[in-house]
Amino acid sequence: MRPASALLHEGVNTDLARPNPKARFTLPGSGQVLTRHDEVVTYVARNLEPYRGFHIFMRALPQLLRRRKRAQVVIVGGDGVSYGAPPRHARAFAT
């Protein structure tokens, strides 16, 4: 009789997924370079909208930045609507 389930270990390949001490990222537009020495807060979503928690993130930013003076904030996302109705009085949620 075969077992109904099997246990498979999903370990992480630490030779592949590990910190890169030489990692650098140049921000488009400003040309600012971020390295591992920078304190970076990121928000990434398909669209910057309430269903993805964008309004909560934006409300938290002032306090976060008061506490973390050196933090750099990188926000990535579109201005479309993935779920729900579009905003009534603005072109996009993130205006």
Foldseek 3Di string as FASTA:
>chain_A
DDDPDDDDDPDDPCVVDDDDQPDWDQDPPVRDIDGPVAAEDEAEDAAQDVVSPNVVVVVCVVVVCVVVVRYDYYYYYHFDDDDDDADDPDPGPVD
